[in-house]
Amino acid sequence: MRLPFDERQLILDNLPYLKRSVKLDSLNVFLVTDTEAVASAAHPVDSSLAYPGNPVYSFKTVVHEA
Protein backbone atom coordinates (compact mmCIF):
# COMPACT_ATOMS: atom_id res chain seq x y z
CA MET A 1 0.00 0.00 0.00
CA ARG A 2 1.33 3.41 -0.92
CA LEU A 3 -0.07 6.72 0.27
CA PRO A 4 -0.29 9.71 -2.10
CA PHE A 5 1.81 11.79 0.33
CA ASP A 6 4.95 11.42 2.45
CA GLU A 7 3.79 10.75 6.04
CA ARG A 8 7.16 11.66 7.53
CA GLN A 9 7.32 14.95 5.65
CA LEU A 10 3.77 15.78 6.71
CA ILE A 11 4.75 15.31 10.36
CA LEU A 12 7.94 17.34 9.94
CA ASP A 13 6.02 20.15 8.21
CA ASN A 14 3.59 20.27 11.13
CA LEU A 15 6.15 19.87 13.93
CA PRO A 16 5.63 23.36 15.43
CA TYR A 17 1.88 22.77 15.68
CA LEU A 18 2.32 19.27 17.14
CA LYS A 19 4.79 20.49 19.77
CA ARG A 20 2.51 23.36 20.80
CA SER A 21 -0.56 21.13 20.89
CA VAL A 22 0.92 18.61 23.30
CA LYS A 23 3.20 21.11 25.08
CA LEU A 24 6.54 19.57 24.08
CA ASP A 25 9.89 21.30 23.86
CA SER A 26 11.09 18.86 21.23
CA LEU A 27 9.83 16.02 19.09
CA ASN A 28 11.94 13.65 17.03
CA VAL A 29 10.72 11.68 14.04
CA PHE A 30 12.59 8.60 12.84
CA LEU A 31 12.00 6.06 10.11
CA VAL A 32 11.49 2.42 11.09
CA THR A 33 14.39 1.65 8.76
CA ASP A 34 16.68 3.53 11.18
CA THR A 35 17.73 0.50 13.23
CA GLU A 36 19.65 2.61 15.76
CA ALA A 37 16.55 4.71 16.52
CA VAL A 38 14.36 1.61 16.81
CA ALA A 39 16.88 0.01 19.18
CA SER A 40 16.98 3.11 21.41
CA ALA A 41 13.18 3.50 21.63
CA ALA A 42 11.66 3.94 25.08
CA HIS A 43 9.90 0.60 24.82
CA PRO A 44 10.33 -2.30 22.41
CA VAL A 45 9.09 -1.39 18.95
CA ASP A 46 8.10 -4.04 16.43
CA SER A 47 8.83 -2.19 13.20
CA SER A 48 7.35 -5.06 11.17
CA LEU A 49 3.93 -3.75 12.23
CA ALA A 50 4.49 -0.38 10.55
CA TYR A 51 2.99 0.29 7.16
CA PRO A 52 1.63 3.40 5.44
CA GLY A 53 -1.23 4.78 7.48
CA ASN A 54 -0.22 2.74 10.55
CA PRO A 55 2.94 4.24 12.07
CA VAL A 56 4.84 2.70 14.96
CA TYR A 57 5.61 5.12 17.77
CA SER A 58 7.41 5.32 21.06
CA PHE A 59 7.41 8.09 23.65
CA LYS A 60 10.22 8.89 26.03
CA THR A 61 10.17 11.61 28.68
CA VAL A 62 13.42 13.50 29.01
CA VAL A 63 13.82 15.88 31.95
CA HIS A 64 16.40 18.60 31.58
CA GLU A 65 17.89 19.99 34.76
CA ALA A 66 18.05 23.80 34.82
PDB file of N, CA and C in Angstrom:
ATOM      1  N   MET A   1       0.836  -1.179   0.000  1.00  0.00           N
ATOM      2  CA  MET A   1       0.000   0.000   0.000  1.00  0.00           C
ATOM      3  C   MET A   1       0.877   1.236   0.000  1.00  0.00           C
ATOM      4  N   ARG A   2       0.559   2.180  -0.822  1.00  0.00           N
ATOM      5  CA  ARG A   2       1.328   3.412  -0.924  1.00  0.00           C
ATOM      6  C   ARG A   2       0.391   4.594  -0.788  1.00  0.00           C
ATOM      7  N   LEU A   3       0.750   5.526   0.080  1.00  0.00           N
ATOM      8  CA  LEU A   3      -0.068   6.721   0.270  1.00  0.00           C
ATOM      9  C   LEU A   3       0.337   7.786  -0.748  1.00  0.00           C
ATOM     10  N   PRO A   4      -0.592   8.674  -1.101  1.00  0.00           N
ATOM     11  CA  PRO A   4      -0.286   9.708  -2.098  1.00  0.00           C
ATOM     12  C   PRO A   4       0.521  10.883  -1.525  1.00  0.00           C
ATOM     13  N   PHE A   5       1.005  10.738  -0.285  1.00  0.00           N
ATOM     14  CA  PHE A   5       1.808  11.790   0.331  1.00  0.00           C
ATOM     15  C   PHE A   5       2.859  11.129   1.220  1.00  0.00           C
ATOM     16  N   ASP A   6       3.859  11.895   1.595  1.00  0.00           N
ATOM     17  CA  ASP A   6       4.946  11.419   2.445  1.00  0.00           C
ATOM     18  C   ASP A   6       4.557  11.675   3.907  1.00  0.00           C
ATOM     19  N   GLU A   7       4.229  10.609   4.639  1.00  0.00           N
ATOM     20  CA  GLU A   7       3.793  10.753   6.041  1.00  0.00           C
ATOM     21  C   GLU A   7       4.839  11.458   6.890  1.00  0.00           C
ATOM     22  N   ARG A   8       6.091  11.061   6.726  1.00  0.00           N
ATOM     23  CA  ARG A   8       7.161  11.657   7.533  1.00  0.00           C
ATOM     24  C   ARG A   8       7.257  13.158   7.266  1.00  0.00           C
ATOM     25  N   GLN A   9       7.212  13.536   5.997  1.00  0.00           N
ATOM     26  CA  GLN A   9       7.318  14.949   5.654  1.00  0.00           C
ATOM     27  C   GLN A   9       6.123  15.735   6.183  1.00  0.00           C
ATOM     28  N   LEU A  10       4.962  15.138   6.164  1.00  0.00           N
ATOM     29  CA  LEU A  10       3.767  15.779   6.708  1.00  0.00           C
ATOM     30  C   LEU A  10       3.947  16.081   8.200  1.00  0.00           C
ATOM     31  N   ILE A  11       4.490  15.107   8.932  1.00  0.00           N
ATOM     32  CA  ILE A  11       4.746  15.308  10.365  1.00  0.00           C
ATOM     33  C   ILE A  11       5.796  16.395  10.566  1.00  0.00           C
ATOM     34  N   LEU A  12       6.881  16.333   9.799  1.00  0.00           N
ATOM     35  CA  LEU A  12       7.939  17.335   9.936  1.00  0.00           C
ATOM     36  C   LEU A  12       7.421  18.733   9.602  1.00  0.00           C
ATOM     37  N   ASP A  13       6.576  18.847   8.580  1.00  0.00           N
ATOM     38  CA  ASP A  13       6.024  20.147   8.206  1.00  0.00           C
ATOM     39  C   ASP A  13       5.121  20.710   9.301  1.00  0.00           C
ATOM     40  N   ASN A  14       4.518  19.837  10.082  1.00  0.00           N
ATOM     41  CA  ASN A  14       3.586  20.267  11.132  1.00  0.00           C
ATOM     42  C   ASN A  14       4.183  20.172  12.535  1.00  0.00           C
ATOM     43  N   LEU A  15       5.491  20.014  12.642  1.00  0.00           N
ATOM     44  CA  LEU A  15       6.150  19.873  13.932  1.00  0.00           C
ATOM     45  C   LEU A  15       5.859  21.023  14.901  1.00  0.00           C
ATOM     46  N   PRO A  16       5.927  22.281  14.476  1.00  0.00           N
ATOM     47  CA  PRO A  16       5.634  23.359  15.431  1.00  0.00           C
ATOM     48  C   PRO A  16       4.229  23.242  16.028  1.00  0.00           C
ATOM     49  N   TYR A  17       3.256  22.937  15.202  1.00  0.00           N
ATOM     50  CA  TYR A  17       1.882  22.770  15.681  1.00  0.00           C
ATOM     51  C   TYR A  17       1.782  21.585  16.644  1.00  0.00           C
ATOM     52  N   LEU A  18       2.380  20.465  16.287  1.00  0.00           N
ATOM     53  CA  LEU A  18       2.322  19.273  17.137  1.00  0.00           C
ATOM     54  C   LEU A  18       2.957  19.541  18.499  1.00  0.00           C
ATOM     55  N   LYS A  19       4.113  20.191  18.504  1.00  0.00           N
ATOM     56  CA  LYS A  19       4.792  20.486  19.765  1.00  0.00           C
ATOM     57  C   LYS A  19       3.956  21.415  20.636  1.00  0.00           C
ATOM     58  N   ARG A  20       3.372  22.442  20.034  1.00  0.00           N
ATOM     59  CA  ARG A  20       2.510  23.362  20.800  1.00  0.00           C
ATOM     60  C   ARG A  20       1.286  22.644  21.335  1.00  0.00           C
ATOM     61  N   SER A  21       0.685  21.808  20.517  1.00  0.00           N
ATOM     62  CA  SER A  21      -0.561  21.130  20.890  1.00  0.00           C
ATOM     63  C   SER A  21      -0.409  20.230  22.102  1.00  0.00           C
ATOM     64  N   VAL A  22       0.718  19.539  22.185  1.00  0.00           N
ATOM     65  CA  VAL A  22       0.923  18.612  23.304  1.00  0.00           C
ATOM     66  C   VAL A  22       1.968  19.129  24.290  1.00  0.00           C
ATOM     67  N   LYS A  23       2.300  20.422  24.150  1.00  0.00           N
ATOM     68  CA  LYS A  23       3.203  21.113  25.077  1.00  0.00           C
ATOM     69  C   LYS A  23       4.548  20.400  25.230  1.00  0.00           C
ATOM     70  N   LEU A  24       5.210  20.200  24.093  1.00  0.00           N
ATOM     71  CA  LEU A  24       6.536  19.573  24.080  1.00  0.00           C
ATOM     72  C   LEU A  24       7.586  20.591  23.690  1.00  0.00           C
ATOM     73  N   ASP A  25       8.774  20.462  24.262  1.00  0.00           N
ATOM     74  CA  ASP A  25       9.891  21.304  23.856  1.00  0.00           C
ATOM     75  C   ASP A  25      10.523  20.776  22.575  1.00  0.00           C
ATOM     76  N   SER A  26      10.514  19.458  22.429  1.00  0.00           N
ATOM     77  CA  SER A  26      11.095  18.864  21.231  1.00  0.00           C
ATOM     78  C   SER A  26      10.343  17.587  20.862  1.00  0.00           C
ATOM     79  N   LEU A  27      10.459  17.219  19.612  1.00  0.00           N
ATOM     80  CA  LEU A  27       9.826  16.020  19.095  1.00  0.00           C
ATOM     81  C   LEU A  27      10.699  15.501  17.969  1.00  0.00           C
ATOM     82  N   ASN A  28      11.097  14.257  18.059  1.00  0.00           N
ATOM     83  CA  ASN A  28      11.941  13.652  17.032  1.00  0.00           C
ATOM     84  C   ASN A  28      11.136  12.648  16.228  1.00  0.00           C
ATOM     85  N   VAL A  29      11.398  12.601  14.938  1.00  0.00           N
ATOM     86  CA  VAL A  29      10.719  11.679  14.037  1.00  0.00           C
ATOM     87  C   VAL A  29      11.785  10.831  13.357  1.00  0.00           C
ATOM     88  N   PHE A  30      11.635   9.513  13.445  1.00  0.00           N
ATOM     89  CA  PHE A  30      12.588   8.600  12.845  1.00  0.00           C
ATOM     90  C   PHE A  30      11.859   7.602  11.958  1.00  0.00           C
ATOM     91  N   LEU A  31      12.550   7.105  10.970  1.00  0.00           N
ATOM     92  CA  LEU A  31      12.002   6.063  10.111  1.00  0.00           C
ATOM     93  C   LEU A  31      12.224   4.702  10.760  1.00  0.00           C
ATOM     94  N   VAL A  32      11.318   3.755  10.522  1.00  0.00           N
ATOM     95  CA  VAL A  32      11.494   2.416  11.091  1.00  0.00           C
ATOM     96  C   VAL A  32      12.701   1.721  10.472  1.00  0.00           C
ATOM     97  N   THR A  33      13.191   2.224   9.374  1.00  0.00           N
ATOM     98  CA  THR A  33      14.392   1.647   8.762  1.00  0.00           C
ATOM     99  C   THR A  33      15.663   2.114   9.465  1.00  0.00           C
ATOM    100  N   ASP A  34      15.540   3.068  10.388  1.00  0.00           N
ATOM    101  CA  ASP A  34      16.675   3.534  11.182  1.00  0.00           C
ATOM    102  C   ASP A  34      16.827   2.589  12.373  1.00  0.00           C
ATOM    103  N   THR A  35      17.612   1.546  12.213  1.00  0.00           N
ATOM    104  CA  THR A  35      17.728   0.498  13.228  1.00  0.00           C
ATOM    105  C   THR A  35      18.260   1.030  14.551  1.00  0.00           C
ATOM    106  N   GLU A  36      19.117   2.027  14.515  1.00  0.00           N
ATOM    107  CA  GLU A  36      19.650   2.607  15.756  1.00  0.00           C
ATOM    108  C   GLU A  36      18.532   3.300  16.543  1.00  0.00           C
ATOM    109  N   ALA A  37      17.670   4.034  15.855  1.00  0.00           N
ATOM    110  CA  ALA A  37      16.555   4.711  16.518  1.00  0.00           C
ATOM    111  C   ALA A  37      15.571   3.692  17.088  1.00  0.00           C
ATOM    112  N   VAL A  38      15.277   2.650  16.336  1.00  0.00           N
ATOM    113  CA  VAL A  38      14.356   1.613  16.813  1.00  0.00           C
ATOM    114  C   VAL A  38      14.930   0.941  18.050  1.00  0.00           C
ATOM    115  N   ALA A  39      16.236   0.673  18.045  1.00  0.00           N
ATOM    116  CA  ALA A  39      16.881   0.007  19.179  1.00  0.00           C
ATOM    117  C   ALA A  39      16.885   0.894  20.426  1.00  0.00           C
ATOM    118  N   SER A  40      16.918   2.210  20.245  1.00  0.00           N
ATOM    119  CA  SER A  40      16.975   3.109  21.407  1.00  0.00           C
ATOM    120  C   SER A  40      15.593   3.622  21.825  1.00  0.00           C
ATOM    121  N   ALA A  41      14.542   3.069  21.279  1.00  0.00           N
ATOM    122  CA  ALA A  41      13.178   3.495  21.625  1.00  0.00           C
ATOM    123  C   ALA A  41      12.907   3.254  23.103  1.00  0.00           C
ATOM    124  N   ALA A  42      11.985   4.026  23.650  1.00  0.00           N
ATOM    125  CA  ALA A  42      11.665   3.945  25.081  1.00  0.00           C
ATOM    126  C   ALA A  42      11.106   2.585  25.471  1.00  0.00           C
ATOM    127  N   HIS A  43      10.413   1.950  24.577  1.00  0.00           N
ATOM    128  CA  HIS A  43       9.897   0.600  24.818  1.00  0.00           C
ATOM    129  C   HIS A  43      10.100  -0.200  23.535  1.00  0.00           C
ATOM    130  N   PRO A  44      10.089  -1.507  23.617  1.00  0.00           N
ATOM    131  CA  PRO A  44      10.328  -2.305  22.411  1.00  0.00           C
ATOM    132  C   PRO A  44       9.346  -1.943  21.294  1.00  0.00           C
ATOM    133  N   VAL A  45       9.887  -1.754  20.114  1.00  0.00           N
ATOM    134  CA  VAL A  45       9.087  -1.390  18.953  1.00  0.00           C
ATOM    135  C   VAL A  45       9.219  -2.495  17.919  1.00  0.00           C
ATOM    136  N   ASP A  46       8.094  -3.028  17.476  1.00  0.00           N
ATOM    137  CA  ASP A  46       8.103  -4.043  16.426  1.00  0.00           C
ATOM    138  C   ASP A  46       7.859  -3.338  15.102  1.00  0.00           C
ATOM    139  N   SER A  47       8.950  -2.970  14.420  1.00  0.00           N
ATOM    140  CA  SER A  47       8.834  -2.195  13.195  1.00  0.00           C
ATOM    141  C   SER A  47       8.165  -2.973  12.070  1.00  0.00           C
ATOM    142  N   SER A  48       8.018  -4.284  12.214  1.00  0.00           N
ATOM    143  CA  SER A  48       7.349  -5.058  11.166  1.00  0.00           C
ATOM    144  C   SER A  48       5.853  -4.739  11.128  1.00  0.00           C
ATOM    145  N   LEU A  49       5.336  -4.111  12.180  1.00  0.00           N
ATOM    146  CA  LEU A  49       3.925  -3.751  12.227  1.00  0.00           C
ATOM    147  C   LEU A  49       3.631  -2.428  11.525  1.00  0.00           C
ATOM    148  N   ALA A  50       4.676  -1.683  11.186  1.00  0.00           N
ATOM    149  CA  ALA A  50       4.489  -0.377  10.551  1.00  0.00           C
ATOM    150  C   ALA A  50       4.232  -0.537   9.058  1.00  0.00           C
ATOM    151  N   TYR A  51       3.256   0.195   8.585  1.00  0.00           N
ATOM    152  CA  TYR A  51       2.995   0.288   7.155  1.00  0.00           C
ATOM    153  C   TYR A  51       2.304   1.614   6.914  1.00  0.00           C
ATOM    154  N   PRO A  52       2.242   2.094   5.690  1.00  0.00           N
ATOM    155  CA  PRO A  52       1.634   3.402   5.436  1.00  0.00           C
ATOM    156  C   PRO A  52       0.245   3.502   6.061  1.00  0.00           C
ATOM    157  N   GLY A  53       0.047   4.561   6.810  1.00  0.00           N
ATOM    158  CA  GLY A  53      -1.225   4.776   7.483  1.00  0.00           C
ATOM    159  C   GLY A  53      -1.286   4.157   8.865  1.00  0.00           C
ATOM    160  N   ASN A  54      -0.270   3.376   9.237  1.00  0.00           N
ATOM    161  CA  ASN A  54      -0.223   2.741  10.552  1.00  0.00           C
ATOM    162  C   ASN A  54       1.201   2.858  11.100  1.00  0.00           C
ATOM    163  N   PRO A  55       1.572   4.064  11.577  1.00  0.00           N
ATOM    164  CA  PRO A  55       2.936   4.238  12.070  1.00  0.00           C
ATOM    165  C   PRO A  55       3.177   3.506  13.383  1.00  0.00           C
ATOM    166  N   VAL A  56       4.427   3.258  13.671  1.00  0.00           N
ATOM    167  CA  VAL A  56       4.842   2.702  14.959  1.00  0.00           C
ATOM    168  C   VAL A  56       5.437   3.872  15.733  1.00  0.00           C
ATOM    169  N   TYR A  57       5.106   3.998  17.003  1.00  0.00           N
ATOM    170  CA  TYR A  57       5.608   5.124  17.766  1.00  0.00           C
ATOM    171  C   TYR A  57       6.058   4.692  19.149  1.00  0.00           C
ATOM    172  N   SER A  58       6.897   5.528  19.724  1.00  0.00           N
ATOM    173  CA  SER A  58       7.411   5.316  21.060  1.00  0.00           C
ATOM    174  C   SER A  58       7.602   6.687  21.686  1.00  0.00           C
ATOM    175  N   PHE A  59       7.245   6.819  22.950  1.00  0.00           N
ATOM    176  CA  PHE A  59       7.412   8.087  23.651  1.00  0.00           C
ATOM    177  C   PHE A  59       8.413   7.912  24.782  1.00  0.00           C
ATOM    178  N   LYS A  60       9.254   8.904  24.948  1.00  0.00           N
ATOM    179  CA  LYS A  60      10.223   8.890  26.031  1.00  0.00           C
ATOM    180  C   LYS A  60      10.241  10.277  26.659  1.00  0.00           C
ATOM    181  N   THR A  61      10.112  10.344  27.966  1.00  0.00           N
ATOM    182  CA  THR A  61      10.167  11.613  28.676  1.00  0.00           C
ATOM    183  C   THR A  61      11.617  11.897  29.045  1.00  0.00           C
ATOM    184  N   VAL A  62      12.061  13.072  28.684  1.00  0.00           N
ATOM    185  CA  VAL A  62      13.424  13.500  29.010  1.00  0.00           C
ATOM    186  C   VAL A  62      13.312  14.759  29.852  1.00  0.00           C
ATOM    187  N   VAL A  63      13.866  14.724  31.052  1.00  0.00           N
ATOM    188  CA  VAL A  63      13.822  15.875  31.949  1.00  0.00           C
ATOM    189  C   VAL A  63      15.180  16.545  31.914  1.00  0.00           C
ATOM    190  N   HIS A  64      15.155  17.821  31.617  1.00  0.00           N
ATOM    191  CA  HIS A  64      16.399  18.598  31.576  1.00  0.00           C
ATOM    192  C   HIS A  64      16.516  19.392  32.867  1.00  0.00           C
ATOM    193  N   GLU A  65      17.623  19.238  33.540  1.00  0.00           N
ATOM    194  CA  GLU A  65      17.892  19.995  34.763  1.00  0.00           C
ATOM    195  C   GLU A  65      18.263  21.425  34.380  1.00  0.00           C
ATOM    196  N   ALA A  66      17.766  22.391  35.120  1.00  0.00           N
ATOM    197  CA  ALA A  66      18.053  23.800  34.822  1.00  0.00           C
ATOM    198  C   ALA A  66      19.383  24.221  35.382  1.00  0.00           C
TER     199      ALA A  66
END
